[in-house]
Full PDB file with SEQRES, HELIX, SHEET, SSBOND, CRYST1, ORIGX, SCALE, CONECT and MASTER records, all heavy atoms in Angstrom:
SEQRES   1 A   39  ALA ALA SER VAL ARG THR PHE PRO THR TYR VAL LEU GLY          
SEQRES   2 A   39  TRP PHE ARG GLN ALA PRO GLY LYS GLU ARG GLU PHE VAL          
SEQRES   3 A   39  ALA ALA ILE SER GLY SER GLY ASP LYS THR ALA TYR ALA          
SHEET    1 AA1 3 LEU A  12  ARG A  16  0                                        
SHEET    2 AA1 3 GLU A  24  ILE A  29 -1                                        
SHEET    3 AA1 3 THR A  36  TYR A  38 -1                                        
CRYST1    1.000    1.000    1.000  90.00  90.00  90.00 P 1           1          
ORIGX1      1.000000  0.000000  0.000000        0.00000                         
ORIGX2      0.000000  1.000000  0.000000        0.00000                         
ORIGX3      0.000000  0.000000  1.000000        0.00000                         
SCALE1      1.000000  0.000000  0.000000        0.00000                         
SCALE2      0.000000  1.000000  0.000000        0.00000                         
SCALE3      0.000000  0.000000  1.000000        0.00000                         
ATOM      1  N   ALA A   1       0.823  -1.187   0.019  1.00  0.00           N  
ATOM      2  CA  ALA A   1      -0.006   0.002  -0.001  1.00  0.00           C  
ATOM      3  C   ALA A   1       0.891   1.251  -0.056  1.00  0.00           C  
ATOM      4  O   ALA A   1       1.824   1.320   0.772  1.00  0.00           O  
ATOM      5  CB  ALA A   1      -0.896  -0.002   1.186  1.00  0.00           C  
ATOM      6  N   ALA A   2       0.527   2.184  -0.888  1.00  0.00           N  
ATOM      7  CA  ALA A   2       1.269   3.432  -0.942  1.00  0.00           C  
ATOM      8  C   ALA A   2       0.521   4.537  -0.257  1.00  0.00           C  
ATOM      9  O   ALA A   2      -0.769   4.535  -0.146  1.00  0.00           O  
ATOM     10  CB  ALA A   2       1.488   3.863  -2.378  1.00  0.00           C  
ATOM     11  N   SER A   3       1.261   5.527   0.270  1.00  0.00           N  
ATOM     12  CA  SER A   3       0.663   6.547   1.093  1.00  0.00           C  
ATOM     13  C   SER A   3       0.054   7.680   0.191  1.00  0.00           C  
ATOM     14  O   SER A   3      -0.720   8.504   0.696  1.00  0.00           O  
ATOM     15  CB  SER A   3       1.690   7.168   2.032  1.00  0.00           C  
ATOM     16  OG  SER A   3       2.797   7.709   1.318  1.00  0.00           O  
ATOM     17  N   VAL A   4       0.483   7.711  -1.061  1.00  0.00           N  
ATOM     18  CA  VAL A   4      -0.016   8.689  -1.972  1.00  0.00           C  
ATOM     19  C   VAL A   4      -0.428   8.032  -3.324  1.00  0.00           C  
ATOM     20  O   VAL A   4      -0.127   6.890  -3.566  1.00  0.00           O  
ATOM     21  CB  VAL A   4       1.043   9.821  -2.262  1.00  0.00           C  
ATOM     22  CG1 VAL A   4       1.394  10.525  -0.983  1.00  0.00           C  
ATOM     23  CG2 VAL A   4       2.232   9.276  -2.944  1.00  0.00           C  
ATOM     24  N   ARG A   5      -1.067   8.817  -4.214  1.00  0.00           N  
ATOM     25  CA  ARG A   5      -1.425   8.355  -5.455  1.00  0.00           C  
ATOM     26  C   ARG A   5      -0.182   7.958  -6.330  1.00  0.00           C  
ATOM     27  O   ARG A   5       0.692   8.793  -6.462  1.00  0.00           O  
ATOM     28  CB  ARG A   5      -2.285   9.365  -6.215  1.00  0.00           C  
ATOM     29  CG  ARG A   5      -2.758   8.947  -7.587  1.00  0.00           C  
ATOM     30  CD  ARG A   5      -3.594  10.108  -8.146  1.00  0.00           C  
ATOM     31  NE  ARG A   5      -3.913   9.845  -9.569  1.00  0.00           N  
ATOM     32  CZ  ARG A   5      -4.934   9.149  -9.977  1.00  0.00           C  
ATOM     33  NH1 ARG A   5      -5.722   8.561  -9.167  1.00  0.00           N  
ATOM     34  NH2 ARG A   5      -5.170   9.008 -11.264  1.00  0.00           N  
ATOM     35  N   THR A   6      -0.108   6.756  -6.786  1.00  0.00           N  
ATOM     36  CA  THR A   6       1.034   6.315  -7.623  1.00  0.00           C  
ATOM     37  C   THR A   6       0.694   6.204  -9.078  1.00  0.00           C  
ATOM     38  O   THR A   6       1.624   6.070  -9.897  1.00  0.00           O  
ATOM     39  CB  THR A   6       1.539   4.946  -7.130  1.00  0.00           C  
ATOM     40  OG1 THR A   6       0.530   4.033  -7.063  1.00  0.00           O  
ATOM     41  CG2 THR A   6       2.114   5.091  -5.683  1.00  0.00           C  
ATOM     42  N   PHE A   7      -0.581   6.216  -9.409  1.00  0.00           N  
ATOM     43  CA  PHE A   7      -0.958   6.077 -10.818  1.00  0.00           C  
ATOM     44  C   PHE A   7      -1.051   7.469 -11.365  1.00  0.00           C  
ATOM     45  O   PHE A   7      -1.671   8.323 -10.803  1.00  0.00           O  
ATOM     46  CB  PHE A   7      -2.340   5.339 -10.875  1.00  0.00           C  
ATOM     47  CG  PHE A   7      -2.898   5.273 -12.250  1.00  0.00           C  
ATOM     48  CD1 PHE A   7      -2.553   4.238 -13.059  1.00  0.00           C  
ATOM     49  CD2 PHE A   7      -3.810   6.176 -12.684  1.00  0.00           C  
ATOM     50  CE1 PHE A   7      -3.082   4.134 -14.366  1.00  0.00           C  
ATOM     51  CE2 PHE A   7      -4.339   6.141 -13.980  1.00  0.00           C  
ATOM     52  CZ  PHE A   7      -3.965   5.125 -14.811  1.00  0.00           C  
ATOM     53  N   PRO A   8      -0.583   7.692 -12.614  1.00  0.00           N  
ATOM     54  CA  PRO A   8       0.232   6.835 -13.429  1.00  0.00           C  
ATOM     55  C   PRO A   8       1.756   7.085 -13.414  1.00  0.00           C  
ATOM     56  O   PRO A   8       2.478   6.708 -14.299  1.00  0.00           O  
ATOM     57  CB  PRO A   8      -0.355   7.141 -14.836  1.00  0.00           C  
ATOM     58  CG  PRO A   8      -0.543   8.635 -14.771  1.00  0.00           C  
ATOM     59  CD  PRO A   8      -0.882   8.908 -13.308  1.00  0.00           C  
ATOM     60  N   THR A   9       2.158   7.771 -12.355  1.00  0.00           N  
ATOM     61  CA  THR A   9       3.536   8.299 -12.333  1.00  0.00           C  
ATOM     62  C   THR A   9       4.616   7.240 -12.028  1.00  0.00           C  
ATOM     63  O   THR A   9       5.670   7.307 -12.599  1.00  0.00           O  
ATOM     64  CB  THR A   9       3.608   9.402 -11.263  1.00  0.00           C  
ATOM     65  OG1 THR A   9       2.591  10.351 -11.465  1.00  0.00           O  
ATOM     66  CG2 THR A   9       4.923  10.104 -11.296  1.00  0.00           C  
ATOM     67  N   TYR A  10       4.312   6.378 -11.081  1.00  0.00           N  
ATOM     68  CA  TYR A  10       5.398   5.495 -10.597  1.00  0.00           C  
ATOM     69  C   TYR A  10       5.342   4.082 -11.238  1.00  0.00           C  
ATOM     70  O   TYR A  10       4.286   3.498 -11.336  1.00  0.00           O  
ATOM     71  CB  TYR A  10       5.237   5.290  -9.062  1.00  0.00           C  
ATOM     72  CG  TYR A  10       5.572   6.470  -8.233  1.00  0.00           C  
ATOM     73  CD1 TYR A  10       4.673   7.429  -7.971  1.00  0.00           C  
ATOM     74  CD2 TYR A  10       6.883   6.566  -7.670  1.00  0.00           C  
ATOM     75  CE1 TYR A  10       5.011   8.511  -7.155  1.00  0.00           C  
ATOM     76  CE2 TYR A  10       7.208   7.662  -6.892  1.00  0.00           C  
ATOM     77  CZ  TYR A  10       6.232   8.633  -6.620  1.00  0.00           C  
ATOM     78  OH  TYR A  10       6.613   9.704  -5.845  1.00  0.00           O  
ATOM     79  N   VAL A  11       6.542   3.620 -11.616  1.00  0.00           N  
ATOM     80  CA  VAL A  11       6.700   2.203 -11.917  1.00  0.00           C  
ATOM     81  C   VAL A  11       6.802   1.473 -10.540  1.00  0.00           C  
ATOM     82  O   VAL A  11       7.523   1.970  -9.684  1.00  0.00           O  
ATOM     83  CB  VAL A  11       7.962   1.950 -12.709  1.00  0.00           C  
ATOM     84  CG1 VAL A  11       8.248   0.463 -12.835  1.00  0.00           C  
ATOM     85  CG2 VAL A  11       7.835   2.634 -14.108  1.00  0.00           C  
ATOM     86  N   LEU A  12       6.051   0.486 -10.397  1.00  0.00           N  
ATOM     87  CA  LEU A  12       6.019  -0.304  -9.103  1.00  0.00           C  
ATOM     88  C   LEU A  12       6.665  -1.680  -9.327  1.00  0.00           C  
ATOM     89  O   LEU A  12       6.482  -2.245 -10.365  1.00  0.00           O  
ATOM     90  CB  LEU A  12       4.624  -0.440  -8.582  1.00  0.00           C  
ATOM     91  CG  LEU A  12       3.868   0.876  -8.428  1.00  0.00           C  
ATOM     92  CD1 LEU A  12       2.381   0.625  -8.054  1.00  0.00           C  
ATOM     93  CD2 LEU A  12       4.516   1.727  -7.393  1.00  0.00           C  
ATOM     94  N   GLY A  13       7.362  -2.086  -8.307  1.00  0.00           N  
ATOM     95  CA  GLY A  13       8.058  -3.370  -8.409  1.00  0.00           C  
ATOM     96  C   GLY A  13       8.174  -4.175  -7.166  1.00  0.00           C  
ATOM     97  O   GLY A  13       7.713  -3.717  -6.075  1.00  0.00           O  
ATOM     98  N   TRP A  14       8.664  -5.381  -7.289  1.00  0.00           N  
ATOM     99  CA  TRP A  14       8.987  -6.278  -6.188  1.00  0.00           C  
ATOM    100  C   TRP A  14      10.419  -6.797  -6.353  1.00  0.00           C  
ATOM    101  O   TRP A  14      10.808  -7.185  -7.492  1.00  0.00           O  
ATOM    102  CB  TRP A  14       8.002  -7.460  -6.121  1.00  0.00           C  
ATOM    103  CG  TRP A  14       6.598  -7.087  -5.753  1.00  0.00           C  
ATOM    104  CD1 TRP A  14       5.581  -6.787  -6.566  1.00  0.00           C  
ATOM    105  CD2 TRP A  14       6.150  -6.978  -4.380  1.00  0.00           C  
ATOM    106  NE1 TRP A  14       4.436  -6.447  -5.828  1.00  0.00           N  
ATOM    107  CE2 TRP A  14       4.759  -6.588  -4.488  1.00  0.00           C  
ATOM    108  CE3 TRP A  14       6.648  -7.130  -3.112  1.00  0.00           C  
ATOM    109  CZ2 TRP A  14       3.920  -6.344  -3.370  1.00  0.00           C  
ATOM    110  CZ3 TRP A  14       5.872  -6.923  -2.030  1.00  0.00           C  
ATOM    111  CH2 TRP A  14       4.514  -6.519  -2.144  1.00  0.00           C  
ATOM    112  N   PHE A  15      11.078  -6.825  -5.280  1.00  0.00           N  
ATOM    113  CA  PHE A  15      12.424  -7.373  -5.211  1.00  0.00           C  
ATOM    114  C   PHE A  15      12.441  -8.381  -4.021  1.00  0.00           C  
ATOM    115  O   PHE A  15      11.508  -8.362  -3.156  1.00  0.00           O  
ATOM    116  CB  PHE A  15      13.484  -6.308  -4.935  1.00  0.00           C  
ATOM    117  CG  PHE A  15      13.760  -5.459  -6.137  1.00  0.00           C  
ATOM    118  CD1 PHE A  15      12.875  -4.476  -6.546  1.00  0.00           C  
ATOM    119  CD2 PHE A  15      14.951  -5.631  -6.857  1.00  0.00           C  
ATOM    120  CE1 PHE A  15      13.134  -3.638  -7.648  1.00  0.00           C  
ATOM    121  CE2 PHE A  15      15.227  -4.820  -7.965  1.00  0.00           C  
ATOM    122  CZ  PHE A  15      14.301  -3.862  -8.320  1.00  0.00           C  
ATOM    123  N   ARG A  16      13.451  -9.226  -4.001  1.00  0.00           N  
ATOM    124  CA  ARG A  16      13.629 -10.102  -2.813  1.00  0.00           C  
ATOM    125  C   ARG A  16      15.093 -10.250  -2.520  1.00  0.00           C  
ATOM    126  O   ARG A  16      15.969 -10.043  -3.309  1.00  0.00           O  
ATOM    127  CB  ARG A  16      12.962 -11.499  -3.081  1.00  0.00           C  
ATOM    128  CG  ARG A  16      13.627 -12.300  -4.235  1.00  0.00           C  
ATOM    129  CD  ARG A  16      12.821 -13.549  -4.564  1.00  0.00           C  
ATOM    130  NE  ARG A  16      13.469 -14.383  -5.536  1.00  0.00           N  
ATOM    131  CZ  ARG A  16      12.911 -15.425  -6.098  1.00  0.00           C  
ATOM    132  NH1 ARG A  16      11.692 -15.835  -5.685  1.00  0.00           N  
ATOM    133  NH2 ARG A  16      13.531 -16.135  -7.007  1.00  0.00           N  
ATOM    134  N   GLN A  17      15.305 -10.613  -1.254  1.00  0.00           N  
ATOM    135  CA  GLN A  17      16.666 -10.810  -0.795  1.00  0.00           C  
ATOM    136  C   GLN A  17      16.785 -12.050   0.151  1.00  0.00           C  
ATOM    137  O   GLN A  17      16.108 -11.994   1.243  1.00  0.00           O  
ATOM    138  CB  GLN A  17      17.175  -9.554  -0.082  1.00  0.00           C  
ATOM    139  CG  GLN A  17      18.703  -9.600   0.216  1.00  0.00           C  
ATOM    140  CD  GLN A  17      19.213  -8.201   0.541  1.00  0.00           C  
ATOM    141  OE1 GLN A  17      18.499  -7.306   0.899  1.00  0.00           O  
ATOM    142  NE2 GLN A  17      20.540  -8.097   0.494  1.00  0.00           N  
ATOM    143  N   ALA A  18      17.518 -12.985  -0.213  1.00  0.00           N  
ATOM    144  CA  ALA A  18      17.703 -14.183   0.586  1.00  0.00           C  
ATOM    145  C   ALA A  18      18.980 -13.988   1.447  1.00  0.00           C  
ATOM    146  O   ALA A  18      19.848 -13.169   1.071  1.00  0.00           O  
ATOM    147  CB  ALA A  18      17.854 -15.379  -0.277  1.00  0.00           C  
ATOM    148  N   PRO A  19      19.133 -14.642   2.546  1.00  0.00           N  
ATOM    149  CA  PRO A  19      20.288 -14.526   3.382  1.00  0.00           C  
ATOM    150  C   PRO A  19      21.605 -14.696   2.624  1.00  0.00           C  
ATOM    151  O   PRO A  19      21.729 -15.685   1.866  1.00  0.00           O  
ATOM    152  CB  PRO A  19      20.117 -15.588   4.448  1.00  0.00           C  
ATOM    153  CG  PRO A  19      18.638 -15.785   4.477  1.00  0.00           C  
ATOM    154  CD  PRO A  19      18.145 -15.616   3.091  1.00  0.00           C  
ATOM    155  N   GLY A  20      22.534 -13.792   2.757  1.00  0.00           N  
ATOM    156  CA  GLY A  20      23.818 -13.919   2.108  1.00  0.00           C  
ATOM    157  C   GLY A  20      23.817 -13.580   0.634  1.00  0.00           C  
ATOM    158  O   GLY A  20      24.853 -13.736  -0.031  1.00  0.00           O  
ATOM    159  N   LYS A  21      22.687 -13.145   0.090  1.00  0.00           N  
ATOM    160  CA  LYS A  21      22.624 -12.802  -1.341  1.00  0.00           C  
ATOM    161  C   LYS A  21      22.182 -11.378  -1.540  1.00  0.00           C  
ATOM    162  O   LYS A  21      21.730 -10.723  -0.661  1.00  0.00           O  
ATOM    163  CB  LYS A  21      21.561 -13.744  -2.004  1.00  0.00           C  
ATOM    164  CG  LYS A  21      21.982 -15.196  -1.998  1.00  0.00           C  
ATOM    165  CD  LYS A  21      21.035 -16.043  -2.848  1.00  0.00           C  
ATOM    166  CE  LYS A  21      21.467 -17.491  -2.916  1.00  0.00           C  
ATOM    167  NZ  LYS A  21      20.546 -18.290  -3.847  1.00  0.00           N  
ATOM    168  N   GLU A  22      22.461 -10.878  -2.725  1.00  0.00           N  
ATOM    169  CA  GLU A  22      22.079  -9.531  -3.113  1.00  0.00           C  
ATOM    170  C   GLU A  22      20.596  -9.448  -3.382  1.00  0.00           C  
ATOM    171  O   GLU A  22      19.938 -10.451  -3.718  1.00  0.00           O  
ATOM    172  CB  GLU A  22      22.873  -9.075  -4.343  1.00  0.00           C  
ATOM    173  CG  GLU A  22      24.355  -8.974  -4.135  1.00  0.00           C  
ATOM    174  CD  GLU A  22      25.061  -8.337  -5.325  1.00  0.00           C  
ATOM    175  OE1 GLU A  22      24.417  -8.213  -6.373  1.00  0.00           O  
ATOM    176  OE2 GLU A  22      26.278  -8.016  -5.196  1.00  0.00           O  
ATOM    177  N   ARG A  23      20.082  -8.253  -3.273  1.00  0.00           N  
ATOM    178  CA  ARG A  23      18.654  -8.020  -3.516  1.00  0.00           C  
ATOM    179  C   ARG A  23      18.470  -8.199  -5.040  1.00  0.00           C  
ATOM    180  O   ARG A  23      19.251  -7.640  -5.872  1.00  0.00           O  
ATOM    181  CB  ARG A  23      18.277  -6.612  -3.138  1.00  0.00           C  
ATOM    182  CG  ARG A  23      16.782  -6.367  -3.147  1.00  0.00           C  
ATOM    183  CD  ARG A  23      16.381  -5.091  -2.396  1.00  0.00           C  
ATOM    184  NE  ARG A  23      16.775  -5.119  -0.986  1.00  0.00           N  
ATOM    185  CZ  ARG A  23      16.402  -4.194  -0.108  1.00  0.00           C  
ATOM    186  NH1 ARG A  23      15.662  -3.212  -0.472  1.00  0.00           N  
ATOM    187  NH2 ARG A  23      16.837  -4.286   1.149  1.00  0.00           N  
ATOM    188  N   GLU A  24      17.452  -8.970  -5.387  1.00  0.00           N  
ATOM    189  CA  GLU A  24      17.230  -9.293  -6.835  1.00  0.00           C  
ATOM    190  C   GLU A  24      15.838  -8.869  -7.283  1.00  0.00           C  
ATOM    191  O   GLU A  24      14.876  -8.898  -6.497  1.00  0.00           O  
ATOM    192  CB  GLU A  24      17.445 -10.722  -7.142  1.00  0.00           C  
ATOM    193  CG  GLU A  24      16.503 -11.699  -6.458  1.00  0.00           C  
ATOM    194  CD  GLU A  24      16.652 -13.109  -6.938  1.00  0.00           C  
ATOM    195  OE1 GLU A  24      17.564 -13.402  -7.793  1.00  0.00           O  
ATOM    196  OE2 GLU A  24      15.914 -14.019  -6.496  1.00  0.00           O  
ATOM    197  N   PHE A  25      15.775  -8.455  -8.544  1.00  0.00           N  
ATOM    198  CA  PHE A  25      14.494  -8.109  -9.180  1.00  0.00           C  
ATOM    199  C   PHE A  25      13.592  -9.335  -9.267  1.00  0.00           C  
ATOM    200  O   PHE A  25      14.008 -10.422  -9.637  1.00  0.00           O  
ATOM    201  CB  PHE A  25      14.785  -7.548 -10.574  1.00  0.00           C  
ATOM    202  CG  PHE A  25      13.593  -7.315 -11.390  1.00  0.00           C  
ATOM    203  CD1 PHE A  25      12.848  -6.147 -11.194  1.00  0.00           C  
ATOM    204  CD2 PHE A  25      13.237  -8.155 -12.377  1.00  0.00           C  
ATOM    205  CE1 PHE A  25      11.688  -5.945 -11.979  1.00  0.00           C  
ATOM    206  CE2 PHE A  25      12.091  -7.993 -13.169  1.00  0.00           C  
ATOM    207  CZ  PHE A  25      11.341  -6.820 -12.986  1.00  0.00           C  
ATOM    208  N   VAL A  26      12.314  -9.073  -9.041  1.00  0.00           N  
ATOM    209  CA  VAL A  26      11.306 -10.136  -9.147  1.00  0.00           C  
ATOM    210  C   VAL A  26      10.294  -9.771 -10.266  1.00  0.00           C  
ATOM    211  O   VAL A  26      10.056 -10.512 -11.198  1.00  0.00           O  
ATOM    212  CB  VAL A  26      10.575 -10.355  -7.839  1.00  0.00           C  
ATOM    213  CG1 VAL A  26       9.400 -11.371  -8.045  1.00  0.00           C  
ATOM    214  CG2 VAL A  26      11.492 -10.869  -6.728  1.00  0.00           C  
ATOM    215  N   ALA A  27       9.641  -8.539 -10.138  1.00  0.00           N  
ATOM    216  CA  ALA A  27       8.640  -8.213 -11.098  1.00  0.00           C  
ATOM    217  C   ALA A  27       8.482  -6.661 -11.035  1.00  0.00           C  
ATOM    218  O   ALA A  27       8.786  -6.010 -10.049  1.00  0.00           O  
ATOM    219  CB  ALA A  27       7.339  -8.879 -10.783  1.00  0.00           C  
ATOM    220  N   ALA A  28       7.948  -6.111 -12.111  1.00  0.00           N  
ATOM    221  CA  ALA A  28       7.566  -4.699 -12.197  1.00  0.00           C  
ATOM    222  C   ALA A  28       6.335  -4.492 -13.013  1.00  0.00           C  
ATOM    223  O   ALA A  28       6.034  -5.310 -13.912  1.00  0.00           O  
ATOM    224  CB  ALA A  28       8.751  -3.864 -12.761  1.00  0.00           C  
ATOM    225  N   ILE A  29       5.632  -3.421 -12.803  1.00  0.00           N  
ATOM    226  CA  ILE A  29       4.459  -3.053 -13.548  1.00  0.00           C  
ATOM    227  C   ILE A  29       4.578  -1.535 -13.878  1.00  0.00           C  
ATOM    228  O   ILE A  29       5.004  -0.765 -13.037  1.00  0.00           O  
ATOM    229  CB  ILE A  29       3.181  -3.411 -12.766  1.00  0.00           C  
ATOM    230  CG1 ILE A  29       1.915  -3.188 -13.667  1.00  0.00           C  
ATOM    231  CG2 ILE A  29       3.033  -2.637 -11.493  1.00  0.00           C  
ATOM    232  CD1 ILE A  29       0.740  -3.866 -13.106  1.00  0.00           C  
ATOM    233  N   SER A  30       4.198  -1.195 -15.065  1.00  0.00           N  
ATOM    234  CA  SER A  30       4.330   0.215 -15.498  1.00  0.00           C  
ATOM    235  C   SER A  30       3.351   1.091 -14.803  1.00  0.00           C  
ATOM    236  O   SER A  30       2.403   0.671 -14.205  1.00  0.00           O  
ATOM    237  CB  SER A  30       4.068   0.251 -17.054  1.00  0.00           C  
ATOM    238  OG  SER A  30       2.760  -0.115 -17.327  1.00  0.00           O  
ATOM    239  N   GLY A  31       3.602   2.399 -14.974  1.00  0.00           N  
ATOM    240  CA  GLY A  31       2.737   3.440 -14.366  1.00  0.00           C  
ATOM    241  C   GLY A  31       1.297   3.298 -14.787  1.00  0.00           C  
ATOM    242  O   GLY A  31       0.419   3.462 -13.945  1.00  0.00           O  
ATOM    243  N   SER A  32       1.064   3.011 -16.044  1.00  0.00           N  
ATOM    244  CA  SER A  32      -0.263   2.880 -16.503  1.00  0.00           C  
ATOM    245  C   SER A  32      -0.912   1.503 -16.259  1.00  0.00           C  
ATOM    246  O   SER A  32      -2.035   1.331 -16.428  1.00  0.00           O  
ATOM    247  CB  SER A  32      -0.303   3.189 -17.994  1.00  0.00           C  
ATOM    248  OG  SER A  32       0.550   2.288 -18.681  1.00  0.00           O  
ATOM    249  N   GLY A  33      -0.020   0.562 -15.825  1.00  0.00           N  
ATOM    250  CA  GLY A  33      -0.477  -0.804 -15.548  1.00  0.00           C  
ATOM    251  C   GLY A  33      -0.630  -1.690 -16.764  1.00  0.00           C  
ATOM    252  O   GLY A  33      -1.073  -2.822 -16.588  1.00  0.00           O  
ATOM    253  N   ASP A  34      -0.204  -1.254 -17.917  1.00  0.00           N  
ATOM    254  CA  ASP A  34      -0.425  -2.024 -19.080  1.00  0.00           C  
ATOM    255  C   ASP A  34       0.797  -2.893 -19.461  1.00  0.00           C  
ATOM    256  O   ASP A  34       0.754  -3.677 -20.432  1.00  0.00           O  
ATOM    257  CB  ASP A  34      -0.777  -1.138 -20.319  1.00  0.00           C  
ATOM    258  CG  ASP A  34       0.267  -0.148 -20.645  1.00  0.00           C  
ATOM    259  OD1 ASP A  34       1.182   0.112 -19.780  1.00  0.00           O  
ATOM    260  OD2 ASP A  34       0.288   0.401 -21.758  1.00  0.00           O  
ATOM    261  N   LYS A  35       1.940  -2.746 -18.762  1.00  0.00           N  
ATOM    262  CA  LYS A  35       3.108  -3.493 -19.079  1.00  0.00           C  
ATOM    263  C   LYS A  35       3.668  -4.164 -17.781  1.00  0.00           C  
ATOM    264  O   LYS A  35       3.613  -3.532 -16.717  1.00  0.00           O  
ATOM    265  CB  LYS A  35       4.166  -2.610 -19.663  1.00  0.00           C  
ATOM    266  CG  LYS A  35       3.795  -2.121 -21.045  1.00  0.00           C  
ATOM    267  CD  LYS A  35       4.973  -1.360 -21.648  1.00  0.00           C  
ATOM    268  CE  LYS A  35       5.128   0.051 -21.036  1.00  0.00           C  
ATOM    269  NZ  LYS A  35       4.050   0.957 -21.379  1.00  0.00           N  
ATOM    270  N   THR A  36       4.096  -5.368 -17.862  1.00  0.00           N  
ATOM    271  CA  THR A  36       4.705  -6.042 -16.768  1.00  0.00           C  
ATOM    272  C   THR A  36       5.971  -6.743 -17.208  1.00  0.00           C  
ATOM    273  O   THR A  36       6.213  -7.004 -18.378  1.00  0.00           O  
ATOM    274  CB  THR A  36       3.773  -7.161 -16.208  1.00  0.00           C  
ATOM    275  OG1 THR A  36       3.408  -8.062 -17.213  1.00  0.00           O  
ATOM    276  CG2 THR A  36       2.481  -6.603 -15.640  1.00  0.00           C  
ATOM    277  N   ALA A  37       6.858  -6.957 -16.221  1.00  0.00           N  
ATOM    278  CA  ALA A  37       8.121  -7.661 -16.508  1.00  0.00           C  
ATOM    279  C   ALA A  37       8.415  -8.567 -15.292  1.00  0.00           C  
ATOM    280  O   ALA A  37       8.103  -8.211 -14.199  1.00  0.00           O  
ATOM    281  CB  ALA A  37       9.277  -6.680 -16.672  1.00  0.00           C  
ATOM    282  N   TYR A  38       9.077  -9.694 -15.594  1.00  0.00           N  
ATOM    283  CA  TYR A  38       9.388 -10.690 -14.566  1.00  0.00           C  
ATOM    284  C   TYR A  38      10.755 -11.223 -14.650  1.00  0.00           C  
ATOM    285  O   TYR A  38      11.321 -11.319 -15.797  1.00  0.00           O  
ATOM    286  CB  TYR A  38       8.403 -11.850 -14.714  1.00  0.00           C  
ATOM    287  CG  TYR A  38       6.924 -11.524 -14.467  1.00  0.00           C  
ATOM    288  CD1 TYR A  38       6.108 -11.161 -15.526  1.00  0.00           C  
ATOM    289  CD2 TYR A  38       6.383 -11.483 -13.158  1.00  0.00           C  
ATOM    290  CE1 TYR A  38       4.776 -10.824 -15.335  1.00  0.00           C  
ATOM    291  CE2 TYR A  38       5.082 -11.098 -12.969  1.00  0.00           C  
ATOM    292  CZ  TYR A  38       4.293 -10.796 -14.057  1.00  0.00           C  
ATOM    293  OH  TYR A  38       2.951 -10.428 -13.840  1.00  0.00           O  
ATOM    294  N   ALA A  39      11.325 -11.597 -13.570  1.00  0.00           N  
ATOM    295  CA  ALA A  39      12.541 -12.334 -13.592  1.00  0.00           C  
ATOM    296  C   ALA A  39      12.249 -13.742 -14.150  1.00  0.00           C  
ATOM    297  O   ALA A  39      11.209 -14.290 -13.934  1.00  0.00           O  
ATOM    298  CB  ALA A  39      13.113 -12.498 -12.182  1.00  0.00           C  
TER     299      ALA A  39                                                      
MASTER        0    0    0    0    3    0    0    6  298    1    0    3          
END                                                                             
């Protein structure tokens, strides 16, 4: 949940970090919501 309006300005994403590893990209969605990308 975001504290302010994020549409359509922000690209939103998810990352993850396992113990001893670097933070890695998982997924992203465009500001308009019409494009997605995945690891």
